[in-house]
Amino acid sequence: MRFDVPLFRRKFLLDYYFASFLDYDIVIGSAAHINARMGPDLSAEVRQAIREKLALANVRVAAFGVTGMPADETQARKLFDFARDMGIEALVTEPPADRFDMIRKLRAS
């Protein structure tokens, strides 16, 4: 599945939302393809390019997922940091109950 920012451009100054999924192919501009997948492993430069294109289109990422929630707190923090950096409002996941305390901690930090 391709994440093609120009598809989200609008002529009106309204806010638009969409959900992003792990492993979307990333397309910036009409032809420039970035060899990357949507997710916490994106470089800072690619994240910035995505944020700029979304801002131009007046689009925000409302949710990201469904994605796994790592048991390792360092890896889980990477997912939360990615969401904060990209302005993602919700992570959609189905973690086991033993990870709830870690999720609460990461959400609050």
N, C-alpha and C. Protein backbone atom coordinates (compact mmCIF):
# COMPACT_ATOMS: atom_id res chain seq x y z
N MET A 1 0.85 -1.17 0.00
CA MET A 1 0.00 0.00 0.00
C MET A 1 0.89 1.23 0.00
N ARG A 2 0.57 2.22 -0.80
CA ARG A 2 1.37 3.44 -0.87
C ARG A 2 0.76 4.56 -0.05
N PHE A 3 1.60 5.30 0.60
CA PHE A 3 1.20 6.50 1.33
C PHE A 3 1.56 7.66 0.42
N ASP A 4 0.60 8.18 -0.31
CA ASP A 4 0.85 9.19 -1.33
C ASP A 4 0.27 10.52 -0.87
N VAL A 5 1.12 11.38 -0.32
CA VAL A 5 0.66 12.64 0.27
C VAL A 5 -0.16 13.49 -0.69
N PRO A 6 0.20 13.63 -1.98
CA PRO A 6 -0.60 14.50 -2.84
C PRO A 6 -2.07 14.08 -2.93
N LEU A 7 -2.38 12.82 -2.67
CA LEU A 7 -3.78 12.40 -2.69
C LEU A 7 -4.59 13.11 -1.61
N PHE A 8 -3.92 13.62 -0.59
CA PHE A 8 -4.61 14.25 0.52
C PHE A 8 -4.69 15.77 0.40
N ARG A 9 -4.17 16.33 -0.67
CA ARG A 9 -4.24 17.78 -0.84
C ARG A 9 -5.69 18.21 -1.03
N ARG A 10 -6.03 19.35 -0.47
CA ARG A 10 -7.39 19.88 -0.59
C ARG A 10 -7.30 21.35 -0.95
N LYS A 11 -8.36 21.89 -1.55
CA LYS A 11 -8.39 23.29 -1.94
C LYS A 11 -8.90 24.18 -0.81
N PHE A 12 -9.48 23.59 0.20
CA PHE A 12 -10.07 24.37 1.29
C PHE A 12 -9.20 24.28 2.53
N LEU A 13 -9.23 25.29 3.35
CA LEU A 13 -8.43 25.30 4.57
C LEU A 13 -9.18 24.60 5.70
N LEU A 14 -9.25 23.32 5.61
CA LEU A 14 -9.91 22.49 6.61
C LEU A 14 -8.91 21.48 7.13
N ASP A 15 -9.16 20.95 8.29
CA ASP A 15 -8.31 19.88 8.81
C ASP A 15 -8.82 18.55 8.29
N TYR A 16 -7.92 17.71 7.88
CA TYR A 16 -8.24 16.37 7.45
C TYR A 16 -7.41 15.39 8.27
N TYR A 17 -7.97 14.25 8.51
CA TYR A 17 -7.32 13.23 9.31
C TYR A 17 -7.26 11.94 8.52
N PHE A 18 -6.26 11.14 8.78
CA PHE A 18 -6.25 9.80 8.24
C PHE A 18 -5.47 8.90 9.18
N ALA A 19 -5.71 7.62 9.04
CA ALA A 19 -4.98 6.64 9.84
C ALA A 19 -3.85 6.10 9.01
N SER A 20 -2.72 5.92 9.63
CA SER A 20 -1.55 5.37 8.95
C SER A 20 -1.29 3.97 9.48
N PHE A 21 -0.78 3.14 8.63
CA PHE A 21 -0.50 1.77 9.00
C PHE A 21 0.98 1.49 8.87
N LEU A 22 1.47 0.60 9.67
CA LEU A 22 2.85 0.17 9.60
C LEU A 22 3.14 -0.34 8.20
N ASP A 23 4.29 0.01 7.70
CA ASP A 23 4.79 -0.46 6.41
C ASP A 23 4.13 0.18 5.20
N TYR A 24 3.45 1.32 5.34
CA TYR A 24 3.05 2.08 4.15
C TYR A 24 4.31 2.43 3.37
N ASP A 25 4.28 2.30 2.05
CA ASP A 25 5.35 2.87 1.23
C ASP A 25 5.20 4.38 1.31
N ILE A 26 6.30 5.10 1.31
CA ILE A 26 6.24 6.55 1.46
C ILE A 26 6.56 7.21 0.13
N VAL A 27 5.67 8.07 -0.32
CA VAL A 27 5.86 8.82 -1.56
C VAL A 27 5.75 10.29 -1.22
N ILE A 28 6.80 11.05 -1.51
CA ILE A 28 6.80 12.49 -1.27
C ILE A 28 6.84 13.16 -2.64
N GLY A 29 5.83 13.95 -2.95
CA GLY A 29 5.76 14.56 -4.28
C GLY A 29 5.16 13.60 -5.28
N SER A 30 5.09 14.01 -6.52
CA SER A 30 4.42 13.18 -7.52
C SER A 30 5.27 12.01 -7.99
N ALA A 31 6.58 12.11 -7.93
CA ALA A 31 7.41 11.04 -8.45
C ALA A 31 8.50 10.59 -7.50
N ALA A 32 8.84 11.41 -6.53
CA ALA A 32 9.97 11.09 -5.66
C ALA A 32 9.58 10.01 -4.66
N HIS A 33 10.12 8.84 -4.83
CA HIS A 33 9.84 7.73 -3.94
C HIS A 33 10.97 7.60 -2.94
N ILE A 34 10.65 7.51 -1.69
CA ILE A 34 11.64 7.31 -0.65
C ILE A 34 11.60 5.84 -0.28
N ASN A 35 12.74 5.20 -0.27
CA ASN A 35 12.80 3.79 0.03
C ASN A 35 12.70 3.60 1.55
N ALA A 36 11.50 3.74 2.06
CA ALA A 36 11.27 3.62 3.50
C ALA A 36 9.84 3.16 3.73
N ARG A 37 9.60 2.69 4.92
CA ARG A 37 8.26 2.26 5.32
C ARG A 37 7.82 3.06 6.53
N MET A 38 6.55 3.41 6.58
CA MET A 38 6.01 4.18 7.70
C MET A 38 6.20 3.38 8.98
N GLY A 39 6.82 4.00 9.96
CA GLY A 39 7.03 3.34 11.24
C GLY A 39 8.13 4.00 12.04
N PRO A 40 8.40 3.50 13.22
CA PRO A 40 9.34 4.15 14.13
C PRO A 40 10.79 4.13 13.66
N ASP A 41 11.10 3.38 12.63
CA ASP A 41 12.48 3.33 12.14
C ASP A 41 12.79 4.40 11.10
N LEU A 42 11.83 5.28 10.79
CA LEU A 42 12.07 6.34 9.82
C LEU A 42 13.15 7.30 10.33
N SER A 43 13.98 7.76 9.42
CA SER A 43 15.00 8.73 9.80
C SER A 43 14.35 10.08 10.11
N ALA A 44 15.08 10.93 10.80
CA ALA A 44 14.58 12.27 11.13
C ALA A 44 14.27 13.06 9.87
N GLU A 45 15.08 12.89 8.82
CA GLU A 45 14.88 13.63 7.57
C GLU A 45 13.58 13.22 6.88
N VAL A 46 13.31 11.93 6.85
CA VAL A 46 12.08 11.44 6.21
C VAL A 46 10.86 11.87 7.03
N ARG A 47 10.97 11.79 8.35
CA ARG A 47 9.86 12.25 9.20
C ARG A 47 9.56 13.72 8.93
N GLN A 48 10.61 14.53 8.84
CA GLN A 48 10.42 15.96 8.59
C GLN A 48 9.75 16.18 7.23
N ALA A 49 10.18 15.46 6.21
CA ALA A 49 9.58 15.60 4.88
C ALA A 49 8.10 15.23 4.91
N ILE A 50 7.75 14.18 5.63
CA ILE A 50 6.35 13.78 5.74
C ILE A 50 5.55 14.85 6.47
N ARG A 51 6.08 15.33 7.60
CA ARG A 51 5.37 16.37 8.36
C ARG A 51 5.14 17.62 7.51
N GLU A 52 6.13 18.02 6.73
CA GLU A 52 5.98 19.20 5.87
C GLU A 52 4.91 19.00 4.81
N LYS A 53 4.91 17.85 4.17
CA LYS A 53 3.90 17.58 3.13
C LYS A 53 2.50 17.49 3.73
N LEU A 54 2.39 16.88 4.88
CA LEU A 54 1.08 16.81 5.52
C LEU A 54 0.59 18.20 5.91
N ALA A 55 1.49 19.03 6.41
CA ALA A 55 1.11 20.40 6.79
C ALA A 55 0.65 21.19 5.57
N LEU A 56 1.34 21.03 4.44
CA LEU A 56 0.92 21.71 3.21
C LEU A 56 -0.48 21.29 2.78
N ALA A 57 -0.80 20.03 3.01
CA ALA A 57 -2.11 19.51 2.62
C ALA A 57 -3.15 19.70 3.72
N ASN A 58 -2.72 20.27 4.86
CA ASN A 58 -3.62 20.47 6.00
C ASN A 58 -4.19 19.14 6.50
N VAL A 59 -3.32 18.15 6.60
CA VAL A 59 -3.71 16.80 7.01
C VAL A 59 -2.92 16.43 8.25
N ARG A 60 -3.58 15.75 9.18
CA ARG A 60 -2.92 15.23 10.37
C ARG A 60 -3.14 13.72 10.45
N VAL A 61 -2.17 13.03 11.00
CA VAL A 61 -2.32 11.59 11.21
C VAL A 61 -3.04 11.39 12.53
N ALA A 62 -4.22 10.82 12.46
CA ALA A 62 -5.02 10.63 13.66
C ALA A 62 -4.62 9.37 14.42
N ALA A 63 -4.24 8.34 13.70
CA ALA A 63 -3.94 7.06 14.35
C ALA A 63 -2.88 6.30 13.58
N PHE A 64 -2.19 5.43 14.28
CA PHE A 64 -1.19 4.56 13.67
C PHE A 64 -1.40 3.16 14.20
N GLY A 65 -1.53 2.21 13.32
CA GLY A 65 -1.68 0.82 13.74
C GLY A 65 -2.57 0.08 12.77
N VAL A 66 -2.88 -1.05 13.04
CA VAL A 66 -2.64 -1.85 14.23
C VAL A 66 -1.17 -2.28 14.22
N THR A 67 -0.53 -2.08 15.34
CA THR A 67 0.88 -2.42 15.48
C THR A 67 1.10 -3.16 16.78
N GLY A 68 2.16 -3.92 16.82
CA GLY A 68 2.50 -4.62 18.05
C GLY A 68 3.05 -3.66 19.09
N MET A 69 2.99 -4.07 20.34
CA MET A 69 3.57 -3.31 21.43
C MET A 69 4.72 -4.14 21.99
N PRO A 70 5.96 -3.73 21.73
CA PRO A 70 7.10 -4.52 22.21
C PRO A 70 7.10 -4.70 23.72
N ALA A 71 7.57 -5.84 24.18
CA ALA A 71 7.67 -6.10 25.61
C ALA A 71 8.82 -5.30 26.21
N ASP A 72 9.84 -5.05 25.42
CA ASP A 72 11.01 -4.29 25.87
C ASP A 72 10.65 -2.80 25.92
N GLU A 73 10.86 -2.18 27.06
CA GLU A 73 10.47 -0.78 27.23
C GLU A 73 11.22 0.16 26.29
N THR A 74 12.48 -0.13 26.00
CA THR A 74 13.25 0.71 25.08
C THR A 74 12.63 0.69 23.69
N GLN A 75 12.23 -0.47 23.22
CA GLN A 75 11.60 -0.59 21.91
C GLN A 75 10.20 0.04 21.91
N ALA A 76 9.46 -0.14 22.99
CA ALA A 76 8.14 0.47 23.10
C ALA A 76 8.25 1.99 23.12
N ARG A 77 9.27 2.51 23.81
CA ARG A 77 9.49 3.97 23.86
C ARG A 77 9.76 4.51 22.46
N LYS A 78 10.46 3.75 21.65
CA LYS A 78 10.73 4.14 20.27
C LYS A 78 9.42 4.34 19.50
N LEU A 79 8.46 3.47 19.72
CA LEU A 79 7.14 3.59 19.08
C LEU A 79 6.41 4.84 19.58
N PHE A 80 6.42 5.08 20.88
CA PHE A 80 5.76 6.26 21.44
C PHE A 80 6.44 7.55 20.98
N ASP A 81 7.77 7.54 20.95
CA ASP A 81 8.51 8.73 20.48
C ASP A 81 8.19 9.03 19.02
N PHE A 82 8.09 7.99 18.20
CA PHE A 82 7.71 8.15 16.80
C PHE A 82 6.33 8.80 16.70
N ALA A 83 5.38 8.31 17.48
CA ALA A 83 4.02 8.85 17.44
C ALA A 83 4.01 10.32 17.85
N ARG A 84 4.72 10.66 18.90
CA ARG A 84 4.78 12.07 19.34
C ARG A 84 5.43 12.95 18.28
N ASP A 85 6.53 12.48 17.72
CA ASP A 85 7.26 13.24 16.72
C ASP A 85 6.42 13.50 15.48
N MET A 86 5.59 12.55 15.10
CA MET A 86 4.78 12.68 13.89
C MET A 86 3.42 13.33 14.17
N GLY A 87 3.14 13.64 15.44
CA GLY A 87 1.85 14.24 15.78
C GLY A 87 0.70 13.25 15.74
N ILE A 88 1.01 11.99 15.84
CA ILE A 88 -0.01 10.93 15.81
C ILE A 88 -0.76 10.95 17.14
N GLU A 89 -2.07 10.97 17.05
CA GLU A 89 -2.90 11.13 18.24
C GLU A 89 -3.23 9.82 18.95
N ALA A 90 -3.18 8.70 18.24
CA ALA A 90 -3.54 7.42 18.85
C ALA A 90 -2.72 6.29 18.25
N LEU A 91 -2.26 5.41 19.11
CA LEU A 91 -1.62 4.17 18.67
C LEU A 91 -2.66 3.06 18.84
N VAL A 92 -2.84 2.28 17.81
CA VAL A 92 -3.80 1.18 17.86
C VAL A 92 -3.00 -0.11 18.00
N THR A 93 -3.22 -0.81 19.09
CA THR A 93 -2.46 -2.03 19.38
C THR A 93 -3.31 -2.95 20.24
N GLU A 94 -2.91 -4.18 20.34
CA GLU A 94 -3.60 -5.17 21.18
C GLU A 94 -2.57 -5.84 22.08
N PRO A 95 -2.06 -5.09 23.06
CA PRO A 95 -1.01 -5.66 23.92
C PRO A 95 -1.59 -6.62 24.95
N PRO A 96 -0.76 -7.55 25.41
CA PRO A 96 -1.20 -8.39 26.53
C PRO A 96 -1.29 -7.55 27.80
N ALA A 97 -2.08 -7.99 28.71
CA ALA A 97 -2.35 -7.23 29.95
C ALA A 97 -1.08 -6.92 30.74
N ASP A 98 -0.06 -7.76 30.64
CA ASP A 98 1.15 -7.52 31.43
C ASP A 98 1.96 -6.31 30.93
N ARG A 99 1.56 -5.70 29.83
CA ARG A 99 2.25 -4.51 29.31
C ARG A 99 1.51 -3.21 29.62
N PHE A 100 0.35 -3.30 30.24
CA PHE A 100 -0.45 -2.10 30.49
C PHE A 100 0.29 -1.07 31.35
N ASP A 101 0.98 -1.52 32.40
CA ASP A 101 1.70 -0.57 33.27
C ASP A 101 2.79 0.16 32.49
N MET A 102 3.51 -0.57 31.65
CA MET A 102 4.55 0.06 30.83
C MET A 102 3.93 1.07 29.88
N ILE A 103 2.81 0.73 29.27
CA ILE A 103 2.13 1.64 28.33
C ILE A 103 1.68 2.90 29.06
N ARG A 104 1.11 2.76 30.24
CA ARG A 104 0.71 3.93 31.03
C ARG A 104 1.90 4.83 31.33
N LYS A 105 3.01 4.22 31.69
CA LYS A 105 4.23 4.96 32.00
C LYS A 105 4.73 5.72 30.77
N LEU A 106 4.78 5.05 29.62
CA LEU A 106 5.26 5.67 28.40
C LEU A 106 4.30 6.76 27.92
N ARG A 107 3.04 6.55 28.09
CA ARG A 107 2.03 7.53 27.69
C ARG A 107 2.17 8.81 28.51
N ALA A 108 2.48 8.65 29.79
CA ALA A 108 2.59 9.81 30.68
C ALA A 108 3.91 10.57 30.51
N SER A 109 4.92 9.89 29.99
CA SER A 109 6.24 10.55 29.90
C SER A 109 6.39 11.40 28.65
